[in-house]
N, C-alpha and C. Protein backbone atom coordinates (compact mmCIF):
# COMPACT_ATOMS: atom_id res chain seq x y z
N MET A 1 26.49 -21.63 -16.19
CA MET A 1 25.70 -21.38 -15.22
C MET A 1 26.34 -20.13 -14.05
N SER A 2 26.42 -19.28 -13.84
CA SER A 2 26.51 -18.37 -13.38
C SER A 2 25.76 -17.55 -11.44
N LYS A 3 26.39 -18.26 -10.49
CA LYS A 3 26.04 -16.89 -9.70
C LYS A 3 25.54 -15.77 -9.67
N ILE A 4 24.60 -14.95 -9.58
CA ILE A 4 25.02 -13.17 -9.42
C ILE A 4 24.40 -12.97 -8.40
N ALA A 5 25.00 -12.24 -7.55
CA ALA A 5 24.02 -11.44 -6.70
C ALA A 5 23.56 -10.16 -6.85
N ILE A 6 22.59 -9.58 -6.82
CA ILE A 6 21.34 -8.09 -7.33
C ILE A 6 21.40 -7.34 -6.03
N ILE A 7 21.73 -6.11 -5.46
CA ILE A 7 21.53 -6.36 -4.27
C ILE A 7 20.45 -5.17 -5.26
N GLY A 8 19.22 -4.57 -4.07
CA GLY A 8 17.94 -3.75 -4.41
C GLY A 8 17.43 -5.08 -5.22
N ALA A 9 15.69 -4.98 -4.50
CA ALA A 9 14.63 -5.32 -4.52
C ALA A 9 13.63 -4.39 -5.56
N GLY A 10 13.83 -3.46 -6.43
CA GLY A 10 13.37 -2.59 -6.60
C GLY A 10 12.46 -2.67 -8.38
N PHE A 11 12.59 -2.05 -9.11
CA PHE A 11 11.65 -2.72 -10.48
C PHE A 11 13.60 -2.58 -11.63
N SER A 12 14.40 -2.32 -11.15
CA SER A 12 15.51 -2.31 -12.33
C SER A 12 16.37 -3.76 -11.30
N GLY A 13 15.82 -4.10 -10.28
CA GLY A 13 16.72 -5.31 -9.74
C GLY A 13 15.79 -6.90 -9.97
N LEU A 14 14.68 -6.61 -9.98
CA LEU A 14 13.98 -7.59 -9.93
C LEU A 14 13.10 -7.76 -11.48
N SER A 15 13.52 -6.89 -12.40
CA SER A 15 13.75 -7.19 -13.54
C SER A 15 14.50 -8.06 -13.68
N ALA A 16 16.70 -7.41 -13.67
CA ALA A 16 17.84 -7.98 -14.13
C ALA A 16 17.32 -9.53 -13.67
N ALA A 17 16.50 -9.24 -12.08
CA ALA A 17 16.97 -11.31 -11.94
C ALA A 17 16.26 -11.78 -12.62
N ALA A 18 14.45 -11.66 -13.17
CA ALA A 18 14.13 -12.40 -14.02
C ALA A 18 15.23 -12.51 -15.16
N TYR A 19 15.83 -11.76 -15.78
CA TYR A 19 16.36 -12.04 -17.19
C TYR A 19 17.14 -12.37 -17.05
N LEU A 20 17.84 -12.73 -16.01
CA LEU A 20 18.74 -13.17 -15.81
C LEU A 20 18.87 -14.99 -15.54
N CYS A 21 17.16 -15.14 -14.69
CA CYS A 21 16.94 -16.69 -14.16
C CYS A 21 16.20 -17.02 -15.68
N GLN A 22 15.87 -16.55 -16.56
CA GLN A 22 15.54 -16.10 -17.40
C GLN A 22 16.78 -17.12 -18.61
N ALA A 23 17.44 -16.94 -18.43
CA ALA A 23 18.93 -16.90 -19.52
C ALA A 23 19.66 -18.18 -18.19
N GLY A 24 19.24 -18.58 -17.69
CA GLY A 24 19.77 -19.92 -16.59
C GLY A 24 21.07 -19.54 -15.97
N HIS A 25 21.21 -17.76 -14.97
CA HIS A 25 22.16 -18.51 -13.76
C HIS A 25 20.72 -18.58 -12.63
N GLU A 26 21.76 -18.97 -12.36
CA GLU A 26 21.50 -18.42 -10.44
C GLU A 26 21.68 -17.17 -9.61
N VAL A 27 20.54 -16.68 -9.50
CA VAL A 27 20.68 -14.98 -9.14
C VAL A 27 19.65 -14.92 -7.51
N HIS A 28 20.50 -14.54 -6.77
CA HIS A 28 20.14 -14.27 -5.50
C HIS A 28 19.64 -12.08 -5.29
N VAL A 29 18.54 -12.37 -5.00
CA VAL A 29 18.33 -10.63 -4.76
C VAL A 29 18.19 -10.47 -3.21
N TYR A 30 19.02 -8.47 -3.26
CA TYR A 30 18.92 -8.79 -2.05
C TYR A 30 17.86 -7.46 -1.72
N GLU A 31 18.17 -7.91 -0.38
CA GLU A 31 16.70 -5.99 -0.37
C GLU A 31 16.98 -5.37 1.71
N LYS A 32 17.98 -4.13 1.23
CA LYS A 32 18.28 -3.81 2.62
C LYS A 32 16.36 -3.64 3.46
N ASN A 33 15.52 -3.44 2.77
CA ASN A 33 14.24 -3.13 3.04
C ASN A 33 13.36 -4.82 3.88
N GLY A 34 12.15 -4.13 4.68
CA GLY A 34 11.05 -5.53 4.49
C GLY A 34 10.80 -6.05 3.51
N SER A 35 10.16 -5.25 2.17
CA SER A 35 9.33 -5.26 1.37
C SER A 35 10.36 -4.88 0.26
N VAL A 36 10.02 -5.47 -1.27
CA VAL A 36 10.07 -5.35 -1.99
C VAL A 36 9.60 -4.46 -2.77
N GLY A 37 9.92 -3.82 -4.23
CA GLY A 37 9.27 -2.63 -4.72
C GLY A 37 9.84 -1.35 -4.19
N GLY A 38 11.42 -0.85 -4.46
CA GLY A 38 12.57 0.08 -4.20
C GLY A 38 11.70 0.55 -4.05
N ARG A 39 11.40 1.97 -4.51
CA ARG A 39 10.94 3.44 -4.38
C ARG A 39 9.22 2.89 -4.18
N ALA A 40 8.75 2.32 -5.34
CA ALA A 40 7.75 1.97 -5.20
C ALA A 40 7.14 0.87 -4.42
N ARG A 41 7.80 1.29 -3.55
CA ARG A 41 7.08 -0.62 -2.31
C ARG A 41 6.18 0.86 -1.15
N GLN A 42 5.17 0.03 -0.71
CA GLN A 42 4.07 0.64 0.80
C GLN A 42 4.37 1.63 2.16
N LEU A 43 4.25 2.11 2.03
CA LEU A 43 4.31 1.81 4.03
C LEU A 43 3.64 1.75 4.76
N TYR A 44 2.43 0.93 5.48
CA TYR A 44 1.87 1.05 5.75
C TYR A 44 1.79 1.61 7.61
N THR A 45 1.25 1.97 8.23
CA THR A 45 1.13 2.74 9.22
C THR A 45 0.79 1.85 10.27
N ASP A 46 1.01 1.72 11.42
CA ASP A 46 -0.51 1.12 13.05
C ASP A 46 -1.09 1.93 12.76
N GLU A 47 -2.05 3.33 11.98
CA GLU A 47 -3.30 3.94 12.88
C GLU A 47 -4.06 3.26 11.69
N GLY A 48 -2.98 2.46 10.92
CA GLY A 48 -4.18 2.23 9.11
C GLY A 48 -3.48 2.81 8.09
N TYR A 49 -3.02 3.81 7.35
CA TYR A 49 -3.03 4.12 6.60
C TYR A 49 -1.52 4.05 5.82
N MET A 50 -2.21 3.65 4.95
CA MET A 50 -1.08 3.50 3.37
C MET A 50 -0.52 4.49 2.23
N PHE A 51 0.73 5.08 2.48
CA PHE A 51 1.30 5.67 1.84
C PHE A 51 2.46 4.82 0.77
N ASP A 52 1.69 5.46 -0.48
CA ASP A 52 3.14 4.75 -1.74
C ASP A 52 4.64 5.60 -1.63
N MET A 53 5.37 4.93 -1.60
CA MET A 53 6.78 5.49 -1.54
C MET A 53 7.76 5.90 -2.30
N GLY A 54 7.17 5.71 -3.77
CA GLY A 54 7.79 6.82 -4.52
C GLY A 54 6.40 7.16 -5.91
N PRO A 55 6.77 6.00 -6.86
CA PRO A 55 6.23 6.69 -7.98
C PRO A 55 4.55 6.73 -8.00
N SER A 56 3.76 7.16 -8.56
CA SER A 56 2.17 7.51 -8.32
C SER A 56 1.05 8.12 -9.81
N TRP A 57 2.81 7.77 -10.76
CA TRP A 57 2.00 8.27 -12.47
C TRP A 57 2.61 6.53 -12.67
N TYR A 58 1.76 6.04 -13.97
CA TYR A 58 2.32 5.75 -14.72
C TYR A 58 3.20 5.35 -15.94
N TRP A 59 4.89 5.71 -15.21
CA TRP A 59 5.11 6.02 -16.74
C TRP A 59 5.39 5.42 -17.90
N MET A 60 5.56 5.47 -19.18
CA MET A 60 6.58 4.64 -19.75
C MET A 60 6.05 3.04 -20.18
N PRO A 61 3.92 2.87 -19.66
CA PRO A 61 3.53 1.69 -20.17
C PRO A 61 4.15 0.10 -21.46
N GLY A 62 4.84 1.66 -21.86
CA GLY A 62 5.66 -0.11 -23.47
C GLY A 62 6.59 0.01 -22.55
N VAL A 63 7.76 0.36 -21.55
CA VAL A 63 8.43 -0.22 -20.73
C VAL A 63 7.27 -2.23 -20.45
N PHE A 64 6.44 -1.58 -19.70
CA PHE A 64 6.15 -2.98 -18.51
C PHE A 64 5.43 -3.90 -19.47
N GLU A 65 4.43 -3.43 -20.12
CA GLU A 65 3.50 -3.82 -21.32
C GLU A 65 5.09 -4.85 -22.32
N LYS A 66 6.37 -4.62 -22.93
CA LYS A 66 7.49 -5.43 -23.45
C LYS A 66 8.10 -6.06 -21.94
N PHE A 67 8.40 -6.28 -20.96
CA PHE A 67 9.46 -6.54 -19.62
C PHE A 67 7.98 -7.60 -19.85
N PHE A 68 6.62 -7.71 -19.99
CA PHE A 68 6.40 -9.08 -19.09
C PHE A 68 5.77 -10.05 -20.64
N ALA A 69 5.80 -9.09 -21.62
CA ALA A 69 5.32 -9.95 -23.00
C ALA A 69 6.59 -10.94 -23.10
N ASP A 70 8.09 -9.96 -22.89
CA ASP A 70 9.21 -11.01 -22.81
C ASP A 70 9.45 -12.41 -21.53
N PHE A 71 8.58 -12.66 -20.68
CA PHE A 71 7.83 -13.70 -20.16
C PHE A 71 6.44 -14.47 -20.91
N GLY A 72 5.77 -14.18 -21.69
CA GLY A 72 4.91 -14.68 -22.22
C GLY A 72 3.89 -14.35 -21.32
N HIS A 73 3.81 -12.72 -21.12
CA HIS A 73 1.78 -12.71 -19.77
C HIS A 73 2.21 -11.11 -20.90
N THR A 74 0.74 -10.91 -19.48
CA THR A 74 0.63 -9.03 -20.19
C THR A 74 0.47 -8.29 -18.76
N VAL A 75 0.66 -7.04 -18.60
CA VAL A 75 0.41 -5.97 -17.77
C VAL A 75 -1.01 -7.05 -16.69
N SER A 76 -1.72 -6.68 -17.74
CA SER A 76 -3.84 -7.11 -17.24
C SER A 76 -3.37 -8.67 -16.52
N ASP A 77 -2.09 -9.57 -17.04
CA ASP A 77 -1.74 -10.93 -15.86
C ASP A 77 -1.57 -10.38 -14.35
N PHE A 78 -1.17 -9.25 -13.97
CA PHE A 78 -1.07 -8.86 -13.42
C PHE A 78 -1.69 -7.55 -12.11
N TYR A 79 -2.08 -6.59 -12.49
CA TYR A 79 -2.47 -5.63 -12.74
C TYR A 79 -3.43 -5.07 -12.81
N GLN A 80 -4.34 -3.90 -13.18
CA GLN A 80 -5.21 -3.66 -13.42
C GLN A 80 -5.36 -2.06 -13.78
N LEU A 81 -5.53 -1.38 -14.55
CA LEU A 81 -4.73 0.10 -13.84
C LEU A 81 -6.90 1.34 -14.34
N LYS A 82 -7.20 1.73 -13.56
CA LYS A 82 -8.03 2.36 -13.49
C LYS A 82 -7.85 4.18 -13.40
N LEU A 83 -7.88 4.93 -14.88
CA LEU A 83 -7.82 5.72 -15.60
C LEU A 83 -8.96 6.80 -13.81
N LEU A 84 -7.78 7.72 -13.11
CA LEU A 84 -8.67 9.11 -12.45
C LEU A 84 -8.57 10.27 -13.32
N ASP A 85 -9.79 10.52 -12.44
CA ASP A 85 -11.02 11.85 -12.54
C ASP A 85 -11.29 12.59 -12.05
N PRO A 86 -10.06 13.29 -11.09
CA PRO A 86 -9.03 14.09 -11.27
C PRO A 86 -8.04 13.25 -11.64
N SER A 87 -6.95 13.42 -12.14
CA SER A 87 -5.68 12.59 -12.06
C SER A 87 -5.45 12.50 -11.01
N PHE A 88 -5.16 14.45 -10.26
CA PHE A 88 -4.88 14.54 -9.11
C PHE A 88 -5.21 16.20 -8.34
N ASP A 89 -5.24 16.11 -7.25
CA ASP A 89 -5.66 17.71 -6.94
C ASP A 89 -4.62 19.05 -6.20
N ILE A 90 -3.95 20.02 -6.72
CA ILE A 90 -2.95 21.21 -6.64
C ILE A 90 -4.04 21.79 -4.97
N ILE A 91 -3.17 20.75 -3.68
CA ILE A 91 -3.41 21.82 -3.16
C ILE A 91 -2.54 22.98 -2.62
N TYR A 92 -3.37 24.60 -2.29
CA TYR A 92 -2.95 25.66 -1.92
C TYR A 92 -2.44 26.53 -0.61
N GLY A 93 -3.82 25.38 -0.21
CA GLY A 93 -4.20 25.84 1.15
C GLY A 93 -5.47 25.41 2.04
N GLU A 94 -5.83 25.90 2.83
CA GLU A 94 -7.37 24.82 3.30
C GLU A 94 -7.93 24.67 2.07
N ASN A 95 -8.28 26.03 1.60
CA ASN A 95 -9.71 25.91 1.35
C ASN A 95 -9.38 26.38 -0.42
N ASP A 96 -8.36 25.96 -0.41
CA ASP A 96 -8.12 26.42 -2.28
C ASP A 96 -7.02 24.86 -2.88
N LYS A 97 -8.19 24.94 -3.61
CA LYS A 97 -7.50 23.43 -4.53
C LYS A 97 -7.50 23.60 -6.25
N MET A 98 -7.06 22.42 -6.96
CA MET A 98 -6.94 23.51 -8.36
C MET A 98 -7.47 20.89 -8.86
N SER A 99 -8.15 20.89 -8.99
CA SER A 99 -8.44 19.83 -9.43
C SER A 99 -7.67 19.34 -11.25
N ILE A 100 -6.63 18.77 -11.63
CA ILE A 100 -6.34 18.54 -13.05
C ILE A 100 -7.62 16.88 -13.58
N PRO A 101 -8.27 17.78 -14.63
CA PRO A 101 -8.81 16.60 -14.88
C PRO A 101 -8.00 15.77 -15.53
N GLU A 102 -7.90 14.53 -16.23
CA GLU A 102 -7.57 13.72 -16.94
C GLU A 102 -7.79 13.87 -18.47
N ASN A 103 -8.54 14.42 -18.90
CA ASN A 103 -9.01 14.27 -20.00
C ASN A 103 -8.72 15.48 -20.51
N PHE A 104 -7.11 15.49 -21.56
CA PHE A 104 -6.59 16.31 -22.43
C PHE A 104 -7.58 17.82 -22.61
N SER A 105 -8.82 17.85 -23.58
CA SER A 105 -9.30 19.53 -23.98
C SER A 105 -9.82 19.89 -22.49
N LYS A 106 -10.20 19.44 -21.53
CA LYS A 106 -10.35 19.89 -20.33
C LYS A 106 -9.32 20.36 -19.28
N LEU A 107 -8.30 19.80 -19.80
CA LEU A 107 -6.58 20.73 -19.09
C LEU A 107 -6.67 21.50 -19.77
N CYS A 108 -6.82 21.09 -20.98
CA CYS A 108 -6.24 23.23 -22.60
C CYS A 108 -7.33 23.79 -21.64
N THR A 109 -8.64 23.36 -21.07
CA THR A 109 -9.43 24.54 -21.34
C THR A 109 -9.96 25.63 -19.48
N LEU A 110 -8.50 24.41 -18.74
CA LEU A 110 -8.15 24.97 -17.46
C LEU A 110 -7.01 26.04 -17.37
N PHE A 111 -5.96 25.40 -18.71
CA PHE A 111 -5.51 26.51 -18.11
C PHE A 111 -5.62 27.49 -18.71
N GLU A 112 -6.26 27.35 -19.78
CA GLU A 112 -6.57 28.90 -21.09
C GLU A 112 -8.09 29.30 -19.65
N SER A 113 -8.30 28.82 -18.71
CA SER A 113 -8.90 30.06 -17.94
C SER A 113 -7.91 30.41 -17.18
N ILE A 114 -7.20 30.55 -16.86
CA ILE A 114 -6.33 30.80 -15.98
C ILE A 114 -4.58 31.37 -16.53
N GLU A 115 -4.57 31.43 -17.64
CA GLU A 115 -4.05 32.20 -18.95
C GLU A 115 -4.37 32.01 -20.11
N LYS A 116 -4.64 33.22 -20.45
CA LYS A 116 -4.44 33.78 -22.36
C LYS A 116 -3.97 32.84 -23.04
N GLY A 117 -4.53 31.81 -23.80
CA GLY A 117 -2.79 31.64 -25.06
C GLY A 117 -2.35 30.23 -23.93
N SER A 118 -2.34 29.79 -22.48
CA SER A 118 -1.88 29.09 -23.19
C SER A 118 -1.79 27.38 -22.98
N ALA A 119 -2.98 27.20 -23.45
CA ALA A 119 -3.56 26.06 -24.41
C ALA A 119 -3.14 25.92 -25.10
N ASP A 120 -2.87 26.31 -26.22
CA ASP A 120 -1.34 26.44 -27.22
C ASP A 120 -0.53 26.46 -26.14
N LYS A 121 0.13 26.96 -25.70
CA LYS A 121 1.45 26.93 -24.93
C LYS A 121 1.66 25.13 -24.62
N LEU A 122 0.28 24.71 -24.17
CA LEU A 122 0.73 23.35 -23.37
C LEU A 122 0.67 22.34 -24.40
N LYS A 123 -0.37 22.32 -25.66
CA LYS A 123 0.15 21.78 -27.02
C LYS A 123 1.46 21.51 -27.67
N THR A 124 1.85 22.54 -27.44
CA THR A 124 2.73 22.78 -27.81
C THR A 124 4.31 22.16 -26.79
N PHE A 125 3.95 22.75 -25.37
CA PHE A 125 4.97 21.84 -24.82
C PHE A 125 4.30 20.18 -24.83
N MET A 126 3.58 19.77 -25.22
CA MET A 126 2.96 17.91 -24.47
C MET A 126 3.86 17.83 -26.22
N GLU A 127 3.63 17.91 -27.38
CA GLU A 127 4.53 18.01 -28.63
C GLU A 127 5.80 17.70 -28.12
N GLU A 128 7.15 18.98 -28.02
CA GLU A 128 8.38 18.54 -27.24
C GLU A 128 8.54 17.14 -26.66
N ALA A 129 7.20 17.54 -25.45
CA ALA A 129 7.69 16.49 -24.91
C ALA A 129 7.48 14.97 -25.53
N ALA A 130 6.67 14.57 -26.46
CA ALA A 130 6.20 13.45 -26.71
C ALA A 130 7.33 13.59 -27.91
N TYR A 131 8.01 14.14 -28.73
CA TYR A 131 9.38 13.94 -29.38
C TYR A 131 10.29 13.31 -27.80
N LYS A 132 10.29 13.92 -26.90
CA LYS A 132 11.22 13.40 -26.45
C LYS A 132 11.23 12.16 -25.50
N TYR A 133 10.29 11.90 -25.14
CA TYR A 133 9.58 10.76 -24.76
C TYR A 133 9.37 9.10 -25.88
N LYS A 134 9.58 9.52 -27.42
CA LYS A 134 10.21 8.85 -28.41
C LYS A 134 11.52 8.78 -28.33
N THR A 135 12.82 9.88 -28.58
CA THR A 135 14.11 9.43 -28.58
C THR A 135 14.01 8.70 -27.78
N GLY A 136 13.87 9.08 -26.31
CA GLY A 136 14.19 7.76 -25.07
C GLY A 136 13.81 6.46 -25.19
N ILE A 137 12.44 6.45 -25.80
CA ILE A 137 12.92 5.18 -25.58
C ILE A 137 12.94 3.98 -26.97
N ASP A 138 13.05 5.24 -27.53
CA ASP A 138 13.91 4.11 -28.45
C ASP A 138 15.13 4.47 -29.11
N LYS A 139 15.33 5.61 -28.20
CA LYS A 139 17.50 5.81 -28.77
C LYS A 139 17.30 5.76 -26.97
N LEU A 140 17.42 5.73 -25.75
CA LEU A 140 17.81 5.12 -24.66
C LEU A 140 18.55 4.73 -23.80
N VAL A 141 16.37 4.40 -23.55
CA VAL A 141 15.87 2.79 -22.24
C VAL A 141 16.43 2.16 -22.51
N TYR A 142 16.65 1.90 -23.80
CA TYR A 142 16.90 -0.02 -23.91
C TYR A 142 18.45 -0.60 -23.75
N LYS A 143 19.42 0.60 -23.97
CA LYS A 143 20.88 0.09 -24.01
C LYS A 143 21.42 0.13 -22.63
N PRO A 144 22.49 -0.94 -23.01
CA PRO A 144 22.95 -1.64 -21.56
C PRO A 144 23.52 -0.43 -20.57
N GLY A 145 24.34 0.61 -21.71
CA GLY A 145 25.09 1.14 -20.73
C GLY A 145 26.66 1.22 -20.35
N LEU A 146 26.74 0.40 -20.81
CA LEU A 146 28.06 -0.12 -20.94
C LEU A 146 29.41 0.46 -20.62
N SER A 147 29.00 1.04 -21.65
CA SER A 147 30.12 2.85 -22.31
C SER A 147 29.53 4.02 -23.29
N TYR A 148 30.24 5.12 -23.15
CA TYR A 148 29.61 6.24 -23.37
C TYR A 148 29.70 6.54 -25.07
N ARG A 149 30.37 4.98 -25.35
CA ARG A 149 29.95 5.01 -26.74
C ARG A 149 28.88 4.84 -27.01
N GLU A 150 27.90 4.07 -26.22
CA GLU A 150 26.49 3.55 -27.09
C GLU A 150 25.79 4.97 -27.35
N PHE A 151 26.14 6.00 -27.06
CA PHE A 151 24.78 7.24 -26.83
C PHE A 151 25.88 7.80 -28.08
N LEU A 152 26.28 8.04 -28.55
CA LEU A 152 26.54 8.21 -29.77
C LEU A 152 26.22 7.75 -30.89
N ASP A 153 25.33 8.32 -31.09
CA ASP A 153 24.38 7.81 -31.98
C ASP A 153 24.17 8.97 -32.58
N MET A 154 24.10 9.11 -34.38
CA MET A 154 24.22 10.56 -34.83
C MET A 154 22.49 11.60 -34.57
N ASP A 155 21.05 10.84 -34.06
CA ASP A 155 19.82 11.73 -33.40
C ASP A 155 19.94 11.68 -32.66
N LEU A 156 20.21 11.56 -31.56
CA LEU A 156 20.89 12.33 -30.58
C LEU A 156 21.65 12.85 -30.36
N VAL A 157 22.73 12.75 -31.20
CA VAL A 157 24.72 13.69 -30.87
C VAL A 157 23.79 15.11 -32.04
N LYS A 158 22.65 14.99 -32.90
CA LYS A 158 21.85 15.82 -33.50
C LYS A 158 20.57 16.90 -32.68
N GLY A 159 19.98 16.32 -31.79
CA GLY A 159 18.95 15.90 -31.58
C GLY A 159 19.01 16.66 -29.49
N VAL A 160 20.51 16.08 -29.86
CA VAL A 160 20.97 17.18 -27.62
C VAL A 160 20.24 18.72 -27.66
N PHE A 161 20.13 19.05 -28.36
CA PHE A 161 19.95 20.69 -28.17
C PHE A 161 18.06 21.11 -28.29
N LYS A 162 17.87 20.68 -29.18
CA LYS A 162 16.36 19.56 -28.86
C LYS A 162 15.81 18.69 -27.54
N LEU A 163 16.38 17.62 -27.26
CA LEU A 163 15.81 17.27 -26.15
C LEU A 163 16.81 18.19 -25.23
N GLN A 164 17.08 18.75 -24.64
CA GLN A 164 17.59 20.28 -24.08
C GLN A 164 17.98 19.47 -22.76
N VAL A 165 19.31 18.49 -23.20
CA VAL A 165 19.25 18.16 -21.66
C VAL A 165 20.56 18.94 -20.85
N PHE A 166 20.68 19.78 -21.13
CA PHE A 166 21.07 20.72 -20.61
C PHE A 166 20.38 21.95 -19.68
N THR A 167 19.03 21.40 -19.53
CA THR A 167 18.67 22.64 -19.31
C THR A 167 16.84 22.69 -18.74
N SER A 168 17.16 23.04 -16.65
CA SER A 168 16.27 22.07 -16.55
C SER A 168 14.90 22.49 -16.37
N PHE A 169 14.46 21.52 -16.18
CA PHE A 169 12.61 21.68 -16.39
C PHE A 169 11.93 22.94 -15.73
N SER A 170 12.25 23.29 -14.68
CA SER A 170 12.29 24.27 -14.24
C SER A 170 12.08 25.54 -15.08
N LYS A 171 13.23 25.58 -16.11
CA LYS A 171 13.02 26.53 -16.62
C LYS A 171 12.40 26.66 -18.07
N HIS A 172 12.06 25.15 -18.26
CA HIS A 172 12.10 24.72 -19.24
C HIS A 172 10.40 25.30 -19.56
N VAL A 173 9.28 24.77 -17.91
CA VAL A 173 8.23 25.47 -18.15
C VAL A 173 8.34 26.60 -18.02
N ARG A 174 9.16 27.25 -17.44
CA ARG A 174 8.84 29.09 -17.58
C ARG A 174 8.87 29.76 -18.75
N SER A 175 9.31 28.42 -20.13
CA SER A 175 9.33 28.86 -21.23
C SER A 175 8.12 29.42 -21.90
N PHE A 176 7.26 28.27 -21.49
CA PHE A 176 5.93 28.28 -22.19
C PHE A 176 5.06 28.91 -21.20
N LEU A 177 4.82 29.33 -20.32
CA LEU A 177 3.74 30.05 -19.34
C LEU A 177 4.53 30.53 -17.96
N SER A 178 3.24 31.70 -18.09
CA SER A 178 3.92 32.90 -16.99
C SER A 178 4.31 32.16 -15.05
N ILE A 179 4.87 31.06 -14.84
CA ILE A 179 4.74 31.22 -13.05
C ILE A 179 6.23 31.59 -13.04
N PRO A 180 5.64 31.99 -11.68
CA PRO A 180 5.92 33.32 -10.32
C PRO A 180 7.29 32.02 -10.29
N ASN A 181 8.29 32.70 -9.50
CA ASN A 181 9.51 32.19 -9.11
C ASN A 181 9.78 31.85 -7.79
């Protein structure tokens, strides 16, 4: 049994600690903040407000499901998710906001109301995003990151331009929609 120190009690540190403990190691986790969670922690003010310090979207649900399954649990053993509608509001000014619906069909209708033809462009954008997500999950997320050779996968090499790893997200979005700089 090894004694292992992990610095940081965010998702990565806590999950690494859990897997190492499961493998029989003695693990000590050190966190500079007063609470665990890293970017996912919450800040409470003296005035009674609560702020999420990081992620407000639930990305990669399969990663969370796999993690809990590795320990004999399900996500619902620990928390319940609630789909919000609207998903969020974009506030441009004091009396100027746009509510983003959770329903994709309604989102397409909203896009179309702003720019004719943009619903089809959004669908193409989402198809590309689905490819990138699947490739990321299947080829990148579970790699240990010990050597660059792990990423010398023919599918990745062939798809590096399709994945657009050298293009900024802003430039990529602008290739689909008329968005001012």
